C-alpha atoms as a PDB file:
ATOM      1  CA  MET A   1       0.000   0.000   0.000  1.00  0.00           C
ATOM      2  CA  ASP A   2       2.892   2.393   0.701  1.00  0.00           C
ATOM      3  CA  THR A   3       4.130   1.894  -2.861  1.00  0.00           C
ATOM      4  CA  LEU A   4       0.721   2.526  -4.369  1.00  0.00           C
ATOM      5  CA  ARG A   5       0.272   5.612  -2.176  1.00  0.00           C
ATOM      6  CA  GLY A   6       3.652   6.909  -3.327  1.00  0.00           C
ATOM      7  CA  ILE A   7       2.816   6.274  -6.983  1.00  0.00           C
ATOM      8  CA  GLU A   8      -0.527   8.029  -6.583  1.00  0.00           C
ATOM      9  CA  THR A   9       1.093  11.074  -4.984  1.00  0.00           C
ATOM     10  CA  PHE A  10       3.868  11.166  -7.587  1.00  0.00           C
ATOM     11  CA  VAL A  11       1.419  11.032 -10.518  1.00  0.00           C
ATOM     12  CA  LYS A  12      -0.820  13.687  -8.996  1.00  0.00           C
ATOM     13  CA  ALA A  13       2.184  15.962  -8.381  1.00  0.00           C
ATOM     14  CA  VAL A  14       3.323  15.675 -11.997  1.00  0.00           C
ATOM     15  CA  GLU A  15      -0.170  16.324 -13.383  1.00  0.00           C
ATOM     16  CA  ALA A  16      -0.993  19.171 -11.004  1.00  0.00           C
ATOM     17  CA  GLY A  17       2.413  20.816 -11.231  1.00  0.00           C
ATOM     18  CA  SER A  18       3.298  20.819  -7.545  1.00  0.00           C
ATOM     19  CA  ILE A  19       3.448  18.595  -4.484  1.00  0.00           C
ATOM     20  CA  ALA A  20       1.121  20.944  -2.602  1.00  0.00           C
ATOM     21  CA  ALA A  21      -1.502  20.633  -5.354  1.00  0.00           C
ATOM     22  CA  ALA A  22      -1.145  16.859  -5.242  1.00  0.00           C
ATOM     23  CA  GLY A  23      -1.771  16.958  -1.508  1.00  0.00           C
ATOM     24  CA  ARG A  24      -4.934  19.034  -2.010  1.00  0.00           C
ATOM     25  CA  ALA A  25      -6.216  16.613  -4.629  1.00  0.00           C
ATOM     26  CA  LEU A  26      -5.610  13.668  -2.287  1.00  0.00           C
ATOM     27  CA  GLY A  27      -6.831  15.383   0.854  1.00  0.00           C
ATOM     28  CA  ILE A  28      -3.473  15.257   2.637  1.00  0.00           C
ATOM     29  CA  SER A  29      -0.960  17.882   3.744  1.00  0.00           C
ATOM     30  CA  PRO A  30       1.907  19.011   1.487  1.00  0.00           C
ATOM     31  CA  ALA A  31       4.333  17.493   4.009  1.00  0.00           C
ATOM     32  CA  ALA A  32       2.602  14.110   3.841  1.00  0.00           C
ATOM     33  CA  ALA A  33       2.584  14.252   0.041  1.00  0.00           C
ATOM     34  CA  SER A  34       6.308  15.035   0.017  1.00  0.00           C
ATOM     35  CA  GLN A  35       7.017  12.138   2.382  1.00  0.00           C
ATOM     36  CA  ASN A  36       5.072   9.723   0.157  1.00  0.00           C
ATOM     37  CA  ILE A  37       7.215  10.679  -2.831  1.00  0.00           C
ATOM     38  CA  ALA A  38      10.431  10.548  -0.801  1.00  0.00           C
ATOM     39  CA  ARG A  39       9.626   7.002   0.366  1.00  0.00           C
ATOM     40  CA  LEU A  40       8.936   5.979  -3.238  1.00  0.00           C
ATOM     41  CA  GLU A  41      12.277   7.446  -4.364  1.00  0.00           C
ATOM     42  CA  THR A  42      14.043   5.592  -1.560  1.00  0.00           C
ATOM     43  CA  GLN A  43      12.403   2.341  -2.565  1.00  0.00           C
ATOM     44  CA  LEU A  44      13.394   2.865  -6.213  1.00  0.00           C
ATOM     45  CA  ASN A  45      16.855   4.162  -5.223  1.00  0.00           C
ATOM     46  CA  THR A  46      16.558   7.053  -7.670  1.00  0.00           C
ATOM     47  CA  ARG A  47      15.467  10.674  -7.790  1.00  0.00           C
ATOM     48  CA  LEU A  48      12.161  11.137  -9.631  1.00  0.00           C
ATOM     49  CA  LEU A  49      11.593  14.851  -9.169  1.00  0.00           C
ATOM     50  CA  THR A  50      13.774  17.909  -8.957  1.00  0.00           C
ATOM     51  CA  ARG A  51      12.220  20.309  -6.468  1.00  0.00           C
ATOM     52  CA  THR A  52      12.807  24.047  -6.262  1.00  0.00           C
ATOM     53  CA  THR A  53      10.817  26.820  -4.602  1.00  0.00           C
ATOM     54  CA  ARG A  54       9.309  27.798  -7.961  1.00  0.00           C
ATOM     55  CA  ARG A  55       8.883  24.660 -10.024  1.00  0.00           C
ATOM     56  CA  LEU A  56       8.779  20.904 -10.155  1.00  0.00           C
ATOM     57  CA  ALA A  57      10.652  19.006 -12.862  1.00  0.00           C
ATOM     58  CA  LEU A  58      10.939  15.347 -13.785  1.00  0.00           C
ATOM     59  CA  THR A  59      14.358  13.752 -13.869  1.00  0.00           C
ATOM     60  CA  ASP A  60      15.149  11.328 -16.696  1.00  0.00           C
ATOM     61  CA  SER A  61      14.257   8.472 -14.353  1.00  0.00           C
ATOM     62  CA  GLY A  62      11.111  10.285 -13.310  1.00  0.00           C
ATOM     63  CA  THR A  63      10.000  10.737 -16.932  1.00  0.00           C
ATOM     64  CA  THR A  64      10.454   7.037 -17.667  1.00  0.00           C
ATOM     65  CA  TYR A  65       8.715   6.018 -14.453  1.00  0.00           C
ATOM     66  CA  TYR A  66       5.789   8.404 -14.993  1.00  0.00           C
ATOM     67  CA  GLU A  67       5.115   7.019 -18.471  1.00  0.00           C
ATOM     68  CA  LYS A  68       4.910   3.513 -17.005  1.00  0.00           C
ATOM     69  CA  VAL A  69       2.768   4.234 -13.920  1.00  0.00           C
ATOM     70  CA  ARG A  70       0.547   7.167 -14.917  1.00  0.00           C
ATOM     71  CA  THR A  71      -2.337   4.864 -15.877  1.00  0.00           C
ATOM     72  CA  VAL A  72      -1.999   2.757 -12.736  1.00  0.00           C
ATOM     73  CA  VAL A  73      -3.617   5.337 -10.441  1.00  0.00           C
ATOM     74  CA  ARG A  74      -6.492   5.929 -12.840  1.00  0.00           C
ATOM     75  CA  ASP A  75      -7.087   2.206 -13.311  1.00  0.00           C
ATOM     76  CA  VAL A  76      -7.167   1.646  -9.538  1.00  0.00           C
ATOM     77  CA  GLU A  77      -9.583   4.560  -9.066  1.00  0.00           C
ATOM     78  CA  LEU A  78     -11.851   3.305 -11.832  1.00  0.00           C
ATOM     79  CA  ALA A  79     -11.806  -0.206 -10.432  1.00  0.00           C
ATOM     80  CA  GLY A  80     -12.846   1.080  -7.025  1.00  0.00           C
ATOM     81  CA  GLN A  81     -15.556   3.263  -8.537  1.00  0.00           C
ATOM     82  CA  ALA A  82     -16.870   0.342 -10.579  1.00  0.00           C
ATOM     83  CA  VAL A  83     -17.232  -1.742  -7.423  1.00  0.00           C
ATOM     84  CA  SER A  84     -18.846   1.173  -5.593  1.00  0.00           C
ATOM     85  CA  ALA A  85     -21.282   1.676  -8.463  1.00  0.00           C
ATOM     86  CA  LEU A  86     -22.488  -1.897  -8.044  1.00  0.00           C
ATOM     87  CA  ASN A  87     -23.088  -1.609  -4.324  1.00  0.00           C
ATOM     88  CA  ALA A  88     -23.786   2.012  -3.470  1.00  0.00           C
ATOM     89  CA  GLN A  89     -24.860   5.394  -4.727  1.00  0.00           C
ATOM     90  CA  PRO A  90     -22.323   7.683  -6.453  1.00  0.00           C
ATOM     91  CA  GLN A  91     -20.244   9.358  -3.782  1.00  0.00           C
ATOM     92  CA  GLY A  92     -17.328  11.662  -3.026  1.00  0.00           C
ATOM     93  CA  ARG A  93     -16.406  15.254  -3.817  1.00  0.00           C
ATOM     94  CA  LEU A  94     -17.707  16.638  -7.119  1.00  0.00           C
ATOM     95  CA  CYS A  95     -16.171  19.930  -8.238  1.00  0.00           C
ATOM     96  CA  ILE A  96     -18.128  21.805 -10.917  1.00  0.00           C
ATOM     97  CA  ALA A  97     -16.846  24.972 -12.602  1.00  0.00           C
ATOM     98  CA  SER A  98     -19.019  27.305 -14.652  1.00  0.00           C
ATOM     99  CA  SER A  99     -19.411  30.947 -15.564  1.00  0.00           C
ATOM    100  CA  ALA A 100     -20.544  33.130 -12.699  1.00  0.00           C
ATOM    101  CA  ALA A 101     -23.882  33.942 -14.350  1.00  0.00           C
ATOM    102  CA  LEU A 102     -24.736  30.315 -15.118  1.00  0.00           C
ATOM    103  CA  ALA A 103     -23.807  29.328 -11.559  1.00  0.00           C
ATOM    104  CA  ARG A 104     -25.976  32.060 -10.029  1.00  0.00           C
ATOM    105  CA  HIS A 105     -29.037  31.795 -12.214  1.00  0.00           C
ATOM    106  CA  VAL A 106     -29.170  28.150 -13.332  1.00  0.00           C
ATOM    107  CA  LEU A 107     -26.966  25.776 -11.333  1.00  0.00           C
ATOM    108  CA  ALA A 108     -27.523  27.168  -7.824  1.00  0.00           C
ATOM    109  CA  PRO A 109     -31.288  26.508  -7.968  1.00  0.00           C
ATOM    110  CA  LEU A 110     -30.740  23.002  -9.410  1.00  0.00           C
ATOM    111  CA  ILE A 111     -27.919  21.613  -7.264  1.00  0.00           C
ATOM    112  CA  PRO A 112     -29.893  21.203  -3.996  1.00  0.00           C
ATOM    113  CA  GLY A 113     -32.167  18.751  -5.812  1.00  0.00           C
ATOM    114  CA  PHE A 114     -29.099  16.850  -6.994  1.00  0.00           C
ATOM    115  CA  THR A 115     -27.552  16.584  -3.530  1.00  0.00           C
ATOM    116  CA  LYS A 116     -30.918  15.489  -2.128  1.00  0.00           C
ATOM    117  CA  ARG A 117     -31.004  12.674  -4.671  1.00  0.00           C
ATOM    118  CA  TYR A 118     -27.340  11.782  -4.069  1.00  0.00           C
ATOM    119  CA  PRO A 119     -26.629  12.598  -0.407  1.00  0.00           C
ATOM    120  CA  ARG A 120     -23.198  10.934  -0.514  1.00  0.00           C
ATOM    121  CA  ILE A 121     -21.900  13.428  -3.072  1.00  0.00           C
ATOM    122  CA  ALA A 122     -20.391  16.684  -1.740  1.00  0.00           C
ATOM    123  CA  VAL A 123     -20.582  19.402  -4.411  1.00  0.00           C
ATOM    124  CA  GLU A 124     -18.162  22.287  -4.791  1.00  0.00           C
ATOM    125  CA  LEU A 125     -19.316  24.946  -7.273  1.00  0.00           C
ATOM    126  CA  VAL A 126     -16.598  27.195  -8.715  1.00  0.00           C
ATOM    127  CA  ALA A 127     -18.367  30.247 -10.165  1.00  0.00           C
ATOM    128  CA  THR A 128     -15.862  32.109 -12.318  1.00  0.00           C
ATOM    129  CA  ASP A 129     -15.418  33.566 -15.794  1.00  0.00           C
ATOM    130  CA  ARG A 130     -11.670  32.931 -15.797  1.00  0.00           C
ATOM    131  CA  SER A 131     -10.109  29.882 -17.400  1.00  0.00           C
ATOM    132  CA  VAL A 132      -9.977  26.856 -15.097  1.00  0.00           C
ATOM    133  CA  ASP A 133      -7.562  23.948 -15.223  1.00  0.00           C
ATOM    134  CA  HIS A 134      -9.154  20.552 -14.622  1.00  0.00           C
ATOM    135  CA  VAL A 135      -5.928  18.992 -13.349  1.00  0.00           C
ATOM    136  CA  SER A 136      -4.336  21.585 -11.079  1.00  0.00           C
ATOM    137  CA  GLU A 137      -7.680  22.711  -9.607  1.00  0.00           C
ATOM    138  CA  SER A 138      -9.153  19.187  -9.316  1.00  0.00           C
ATOM    139  CA  ILE A 139     -12.158  20.155 -11.455  1.00  0.00           C
ATOM    140  CA  ASP A 140     -14.400  17.206 -12.321  1.00  0.00           C
ATOM    141  CA  ILE A 141     -16.765  19.055 -14.667  1.00  0.00           C
ATOM    142  CA  SER A 142     -16.702  22.443 -16.356  1.00  0.00           C
ATOM    143  CA  ILE A 143     -19.596  24.020 -18.225  1.00  0.00           C
ATOM    144  CA  ARG A 144     -18.553  26.378 -20.999  1.00  0.00           C
ATOM    145  CA  ILE A 145     -20.016  28.176 -23.983  1.00  0.00           C
ATOM    146  CA  GLN A 146     -18.731  27.103 -27.368  1.00  0.00           C
ATOM    147  CA  GLN A 147     -16.239  29.981 -27.628  1.00  0.00           C
ATOM    148  CA  GLN A 148     -14.543  28.795 -24.410  1.00  0.00           C
ATOM    149  CA  LEU A 149     -13.952  25.162 -25.419  1.00  0.00           C
ATOM    150  CA  GLU A 150     -10.355  23.997 -25.183  1.00  0.00           C
ATOM    151  CA  GLU A 151      -8.585  21.388 -27.249  1.00  0.00           C
ATOM    152  CA  GLY A 152      -8.216  18.114 -25.395  1.00  0.00           C
ATOM    153  CA  LEU A 153     -11.393  18.324 -23.322  1.00  0.00           C
ATOM    154  CA  VAL A 154     -14.198  15.850 -23.880  1.00  0.00           C
ATOM    155  CA  ALA A 155     -17.268  18.029 -24.463  1.00  0.00           C
ATOM    156  CA  ARG A 156     -20.944  17.138 -24.715  1.00  0.00           C
ATOM    157  CA  LYS A 157     -23.506  19.700 -25.818  1.00  0.00           C
ATOM    158  CA  LEU A 158     -25.666  20.541 -22.824  1.00  0.00           C
ATOM    159  CA  ALA A 159     -28.066  23.292 -23.846  1.00  0.00           C
ATOM    160  CA  VAL A 160     -28.918  25.905 -26.446  1.00  0.00           C
ATOM    161  CA  VAL A 161     -29.917  29.063 -24.564  1.00  0.00           C
ATOM    162  CA  PRO A 162     -31.539  31.989 -26.395  1.00  0.00           C
ATOM    163  CA  SER A 163     -29.764  35.340 -26.354  1.00  0.00           C
ATOM    164  CA  LYS A 164     -31.801  38.480 -25.819  1.00  0.00           C
ATOM    165  CA  PHE A 165     -30.852  42.044 -26.682  1.00  0.00           C
ATOM    166  CA  CYS A 166     -32.308  44.359 -24.071  1.00  0.00           C
ATOM    167  CA  ALA A 167     -32.481  47.979 -22.987  1.00  0.00           C
ATOM    168  CA  SER A 168     -34.448  49.945 -20.431  1.00  0.00           C
ATOM    169  CA  PRO A 169     -37.649  51.762 -21.401  1.00  0.00           C
ATOM    170  CA  ALA A 170     -35.948  55.059 -20.480  1.00  0.00           C
ATOM    171  CA  TYR A 171     -33.023  54.413 -22.841  1.00  0.00           C
ATOM    172  CA  LEU A 172     -35.317  53.428 -25.720  1.00  0.00           C
ATOM    173  CA  GLU A 173     -37.448  56.529 -25.211  1.00  0.00           C
ATOM    174  CA  ARG A 174     -34.327  58.689 -25.245  1.00  0.00           C
ATOM    175  CA  SER A 175     -32.365  57.007 -28.055  1.00  0.00           C
ATOM    176  CA  GLY A 176     -34.926  55.128 -30.129  1.00  0.00           C
ATOM    177  CA  ARG A 177     -35.447  51.399 -30.738  1.00  0.00           C
ATOM    178  CA  PRO A 178     -33.186  49.655 -33.268  1.00  0.00           C
ATOM    179  CA  THR A 179     -35.028  47.266 -35.579  1.00  0.00           C
ATOM    180  CA  GLU A 180     -32.044  45.943 -37.563  1.00  0.00           C
ATOM    181  CA  PRO A 181     -28.644  44.717 -36.270  1.00  0.00           C
ATOM    182  CA  GLU A 182     -26.869  47.281 -38.448  1.00  0.00           C
ATOM    183  CA  GLN A 183     -28.413  50.070 -36.354  1.00  0.00           C
ATOM    184  CA  LEU A 184     -26.527  48.967 -33.241  1.00  0.00           C
ATOM    185  CA  ARG A 185     -23.466  50.934 -34.359  1.00  0.00           C
ATOM    186  CA  ASP A 186     -25.436  54.094 -33.615  1.00  0.00           C
ATOM    187  CA  HIS A 187     -26.404  53.081 -30.057  1.00  0.00           C
ATOM    188  CA  ASP A 188     -24.686  52.852 -26.685  1.00  0.00           C
ATOM    189  CA  CYS A 189     -23.739  49.181 -26.313  1.00  0.00           C
ATOM    190  CA  LEU A 190     -22.833  47.439 -23.077  1.00  0.00           C
ATOM    191  CA  VAL A 191     -20.357  44.699 -23.949  1.00  0.00           C
ATOM    192  CA  PHE A 192     -18.994  41.648 -22.103  1.00  0.00           C
ATOM    193  CA  ARG A 193     -15.226  41.112 -22.178  1.00  0.00           C
ATOM    194  CA  TYR A 194     -13.836  37.622 -21.541  1.00  0.00           C
ATOM    195  CA  PRO A 195     -11.431  37.799 -18.557  1.00  0.00           C
ATOM    196  CA  VAL A 196      -9.260  35.068 -20.061  1.00  0.00           C
ATOM    197  CA  ASP A 197      -8.090  36.707 -23.275  1.00  0.00           C
ATOM    198  CA  GLY A 198      -9.717  40.140 -23.403  1.00  0.00           C
ATOM    199  CA  ARG A 199     -11.964  39.334 -26.362  1.00  0.00           C
ATOM    200  CA  PHE A 200     -15.495  40.721 -26.535  1.00  0.00           C
ATOM    201  CA  LEU A 201     -18.522  38.437 -26.588  1.00  0.00           C
ATOM    202  CA  ARG A 202     -19.675  38.810 -30.175  1.00  0.00           C
ATOM    203  CA  TRP A 203     -23.186  39.994 -30.958  1.00  0.00           C
ATOM    204  CA  GLY A 204     -24.161  37.345 -33.459  1.00  0.00           C
ATOM    205  CA  PHE A 205     -27.126  37.188 -35.826  1.00  0.00           C
ATOM    206  CA  ILE A 206     -28.275  34.849 -38.579  1.00  0.00           C
ATOM    207  CA  ARG A 207     -29.828  36.178 -41.789  1.00  0.00           C
ATOM    208  CA  ASN A 208     -30.739  34.030 -44.801  1.00  0.00           C
ATOM    209  CA  GLY A 209     -28.829  31.151 -43.254  1.00  0.00           C
ATOM    210  CA  GLU A 210     -25.622  33.185 -42.894  1.00  0.00           C
ATOM    211  CA  ARG A 211     -24.141  34.097 -39.509  1.00  0.00           C
ATOM    212  CA  PHE A 212     -22.689  37.571 -38.997  1.00  0.00           C
ATOM    213  CA  ASP A 213     -21.544  39.766 -36.118  1.00  0.00           C
ATOM    214  CA  ALA A 214     -23.168  43.144 -35.674  1.00  0.00           C
ATOM    215  CA  GLU A 215     -20.905  46.171 -35.485  1.00  0.00           C
ATOM    216  CA  VAL A 216     -21.372  47.764 -32.076  1.00  0.00           C
ATOM    217  CA  HIS A 217     -20.443  51.018 -30.385  1.00  0.00           C
ATOM    218  CA  ALA A 218     -19.069  49.800 -27.040  1.00  0.00           C
ATOM    219  CA  THR A 219     -19.580  52.571 -24.527  1.00  0.00           C
ATOM    220  CA  LEU A 220     -19.447  50.414 -21.372  1.00  0.00           C
ATOM    221  CA  ILE A 221     -17.512  47.167 -20.883  1.00  0.00           C
ATOM    222  CA  SER A 222     -17.552  44.641 -18.046  1.00  0.00           C
ATOM    223  CA  ASP A 223     -16.359  41.108 -17.343  1.00  0.00           C
ATOM    224  CA  ASP A 224     -19.560  40.357 -15.383  1.00  0.00           C
ATOM    225  CA  ILE A 225     -22.851  39.728 -17.174  1.00  0.00           C
ATOM    226  CA  ASP A 226     -24.937  40.686 -14.142  1.00  0.00           C
ATOM    227  CA  VAL A 227     -23.187  44.049 -13.968  1.00  0.00           C
ATOM    228  CA  LEU A 228     -24.104  44.655 -17.609  1.00  0.00           C
ATOM    229  CA  ALA A 229     -27.728  43.799 -16.838  1.00  0.00           C
ATOM    230  CA  ARG A 230     -27.786  46.334 -14.003  1.00  0.00           C
ATOM    231  CA  LEU A 231     -26.162  48.956 -16.217  1.00  0.00           C
ATOM    232  CA  ALA A 232     -28.865  48.379 -18.816  1.00  0.00           C
ATOM    233  CA  VAL A 233     -31.614  48.693 -16.200  1.00  0.00           C
ATOM    234  CA  ALA A 234     -30.073  52.018 -15.144  1.00  0.00           C
ATOM    235  CA  GLY A 235     -30.411  53.311 -18.715  1.00  0.00           C
ATOM    236  CA  GLY A 236     -26.802  52.792 -19.797  1.00  0.00           C
ATOM    237  CA  GLY A 237     -27.643  51.318 -23.182  1.00  0.00           C
ATOM    238  CA  ILE A 238     -28.270  48.035 -25.011  1.00  0.00           C
ATOM    239  CA  THR A 239     -26.745  44.747 -23.895  1.00  0.00           C
ATOM    240  CA  ARG A 240     -26.788  41.086 -24.877  1.00  0.00           C
ATOM    241  CA  LEU A 241     -27.930  38.698 -22.132  1.00  0.00           C
ATOM    242  CA  ALA A 242     -28.555  34.993 -21.890  1.00  0.00           C
ATOM    243  CA  ALA A 243     -32.260  34.276 -21.442  1.00  0.00           C
ATOM    244  CA  PHE A 244     -31.756  33.090 -17.860  1.00  0.00           C
ATOM    245  CA  VAL A 245     -30.303  36.500 -16.943  1.00  0.00           C
ATOM    246  CA  ALA A 246     -32.709  38.638 -18.972  1.00  0.00           C
ATOM    247  CA  GLU A 247     -36.083  37.050 -18.228  1.00  0.00           C
ATOM    248  CA  PRO A 248     -36.592  38.330 -14.642  1.00  0.00           C
ATOM    249  CA  TYR A 249     -35.849  41.901 -15.756  1.00  0.00           C
ATOM    250  CA  LEU A 250     -38.171  41.552 -18.750  1.00  0.00           C
ATOM    251  CA  ALA A 251     -40.953  40.152 -16.564  1.00  0.00           C
ATOM    252  CA  ARG A 252     -40.692  43.142 -14.204  1.00  0.00           C
ATOM    253  CA  GLY A 253     -40.647  45.626 -17.072  1.00  0.00           C
ATOM    254  CA  GLU A 254     -37.187  46.903 -16.129  1.00  0.00           C
ATOM    255  CA  LEU A 255     -35.852  45.889 -19.556  1.00  0.00           C
ATOM    256  CA  GLU A 256     -37.475  45.526 -22.960  1.00  0.00           C
ATOM    257  CA  GLU A 257     -36.482  42.950 -25.554  1.00  0.00           C
ATOM    258  CA  LEU A 258     -35.273  44.153 -28.958  1.00  0.00           C
ATOM    259  CA  PHE A 259     -35.479  42.611 -32.433  1.00  0.00           C
ATOM    260  CA  VAL A 260     -38.794  40.949 -31.665  1.00  0.00           C
ATOM    261  CA  PRO A 261     -41.124  41.213 -34.685  1.00  0.00           C
ATOM    262  CA  GLN A 262     -44.547  42.721 -34.207  1.00  0.00           C
ATOM    263  CA  GLU A 263     -47.600  40.675 -35.068  1.00  0.00           C
ATOM    264  CA  GLY A 264     -47.760  40.073 -38.797  1.00  0.00           C
ATOM    265  CA  GLU A 265     -44.102  41.040 -39.343  1.00  0.00           C
ATOM    266  CA  GLU A 266     -41.238  38.754 -40.275  1.00  0.00           C
ATOM    267  CA  GLN A 267     -37.979  38.819 -38.322  1.00  0.00           C
ATOM    268  CA  SER A 268     -35.256  39.865 -40.741  1.00  0.00           C
ATOM    269  CA  ALA A 269     -32.390  38.530 -38.599  1.00  0.00           C
ATOM    270  CA  LEU A 270     -32.438  35.761 -36.010  1.00  0.00           C
ATOM    271  CA  ILE A 271     -30.358  36.132 -32.854  1.00  0.00           C
ATOM    272  CA  ASP A 272     -27.518  33.627 -32.552  1.00  0.00           C
ATOM    273  CA  PRO A 273     -28.091  31.560 -29.363  1.00  0.00           C
ATOM    274  CA  LEU A 274     -25.473  30.513 -26.802  1.00  0.00           C
ATOM    275  CA  ASP A 275     -24.401  26.865 -26.985  1.00  0.00           C
ATOM    276  CA  PHE A 276     -23.352  25.434 -23.614  1.00  0.00           C
ATOM    277  CA  TYR A 277     -21.167  22.326 -23.274  1.00  0.00           C
ATOM    278  CA  ILE A 278     -20.450  20.106 -20.300  1.00  0.00           C
ATOM    279  CA  CYS A 279     -16.767  19.139 -20.275  1.00  0.00           C
ATOM    280  CA  VAL A 280     -14.511  16.593 -18.594  1.00  0.00           C
ATOM    281  CA  ARG A 281     -10.784  16.134 -18.888  1.00  0.00           C
ATOM    282  CA  ASP A 282     -11.025  12.821 -20.736  1.00  0.00           C
ATOM    283  CA  ARG A 283     -13.279   9.778 -20.994  1.00  0.00           C
ATOM    284  CA  TYR A 284     -11.657   8.220 -17.920  1.00  0.00           C
ATOM    285  CA  GLU A 285     -13.171  11.029 -15.851  1.00  0.00           C
ATOM    286  CA  LEU A 286     -16.721   9.862 -16.617  1.00  0.00           C
ATOM    287  CA  THR A 287     -17.017   8.385 -13.129  1.00  0.00           C
ATOM    288  CA  PRO A 288     -20.362   7.419 -11.528  1.00  0.00           C
ATOM    289  CA  LYS A 289     -20.670  10.770  -9.732  1.00  0.00           C
ATOM    290  CA  VAL A 290     -19.886  12.690 -12.925  1.00  0.00           C
ATOM    291  CA  ARG A 291     -22.379  10.647 -14.949  1.00  0.00           C
ATOM    292  CA  ALA A 292     -24.993  11.148 -12.231  1.00  0.00           C
ATOM    293  CA  PHE A 293     -24.637  14.936 -12.430  1.00  0.00           C
ATOM    294  CA  MET A 294     -24.628  14.980 -16.226  1.00  0.00           C
ATOM    295  CA  ASP A 295     -27.811  12.914 -16.370  1.00  0.00           C
ATOM    296  CA  TYR A 296     -29.442  15.052 -13.693  1.00  0.00           C
ATOM    297  CA  VAL A 297     -28.682  18.449 -15.189  1.00  0.00           C
ATOM    298  CA  LEU A 298     -29.699  17.322 -18.683  1.00  0.00           C
ATOM    299  CA  THR A 299     -33.190  16.490 -17.410  1.00  0.00           C
ATOM    300  CA  ALA A 300     -33.468  19.388 -14.918  1.00  0.00           C
ATOM    301  CA  LEU A 301     -32.873  22.170 -17.453  1.00  0.00           C
ATOM    302  CA  PRO A 302     -35.889  23.816 -19.097  1.00  0.00           C
ATOM    303  CA  SER A 303     -37.129  21.582 -21.899  1.00  0.00           C
ATOM    304  CA  GLN A 304     -36.797  24.335 -24.529  1.00  0.00           C
ATOM    305  CA  TRP A 305     -33.043  24.536 -23.908  1.00  0.00           C
ATOM    306  CA  ARG A 306     -32.292  20.830 -24.162  1.00  0.00           C
ATOM    307  CA  CYS A 307     -30.372  19.447 -27.108  1.00  0.00           C
END
């Protein structure tokens, strides 16, 4: 068991980039993680890792050893989970990362029902618009829009959520109501900037089967969708919101929806929706607890969003 514990700690340290991160992933202290690796190195009579205050590097022996044992830990975990799946409910810590707005407006109301159904699963919800790393942050699942997908992740389409362009009644009375996407360049636009790379969330439309991005006059910018919604309510201009953010404001009359055809009119340009994906690091991460959450959230979402 000491050997297996040392291998597990060693593999986690390599994948997470530090011994401290390996300890967090395994639920042990950094000192205990370091001791596990030291005992393994003593047993093998070789140095596997070069440790400095800033970085962790594999030695030549460590590289060879890692290539041979990196699947051992995963196979042992999967074997244990397979046995658990036969005899018990899914269990353990489940870390879910999503955008702050999706976490606030969609996941937070749904997760209590999930934990009630699976009381042996402890959920951690990471609500952030920054980029997350599945390995170093021990993320089991991330939920991302299509523009945030990363190469190497296993992604399954989760939902297609309508986008709504909105402004306050006061702004529309003052500045007029655009009826075509091309008119947005003449309005005050409240734009979301991705914290990861500084890009703007594009204002996409579809006309005659062709997708295009409207030219906008960005007068206010934020990296928080809910801030943009509040700015719009205060009369700051027009913004693009996911339906789950916009609908409460629309229902209260604080915002009005744009580009909605009047009765008897045809809509010249459709609004490009937001495609959400549920992501795991690789197919080996589709553990019973992960599958349980994926199945739950797919059925708990509003039926009109489901794929």
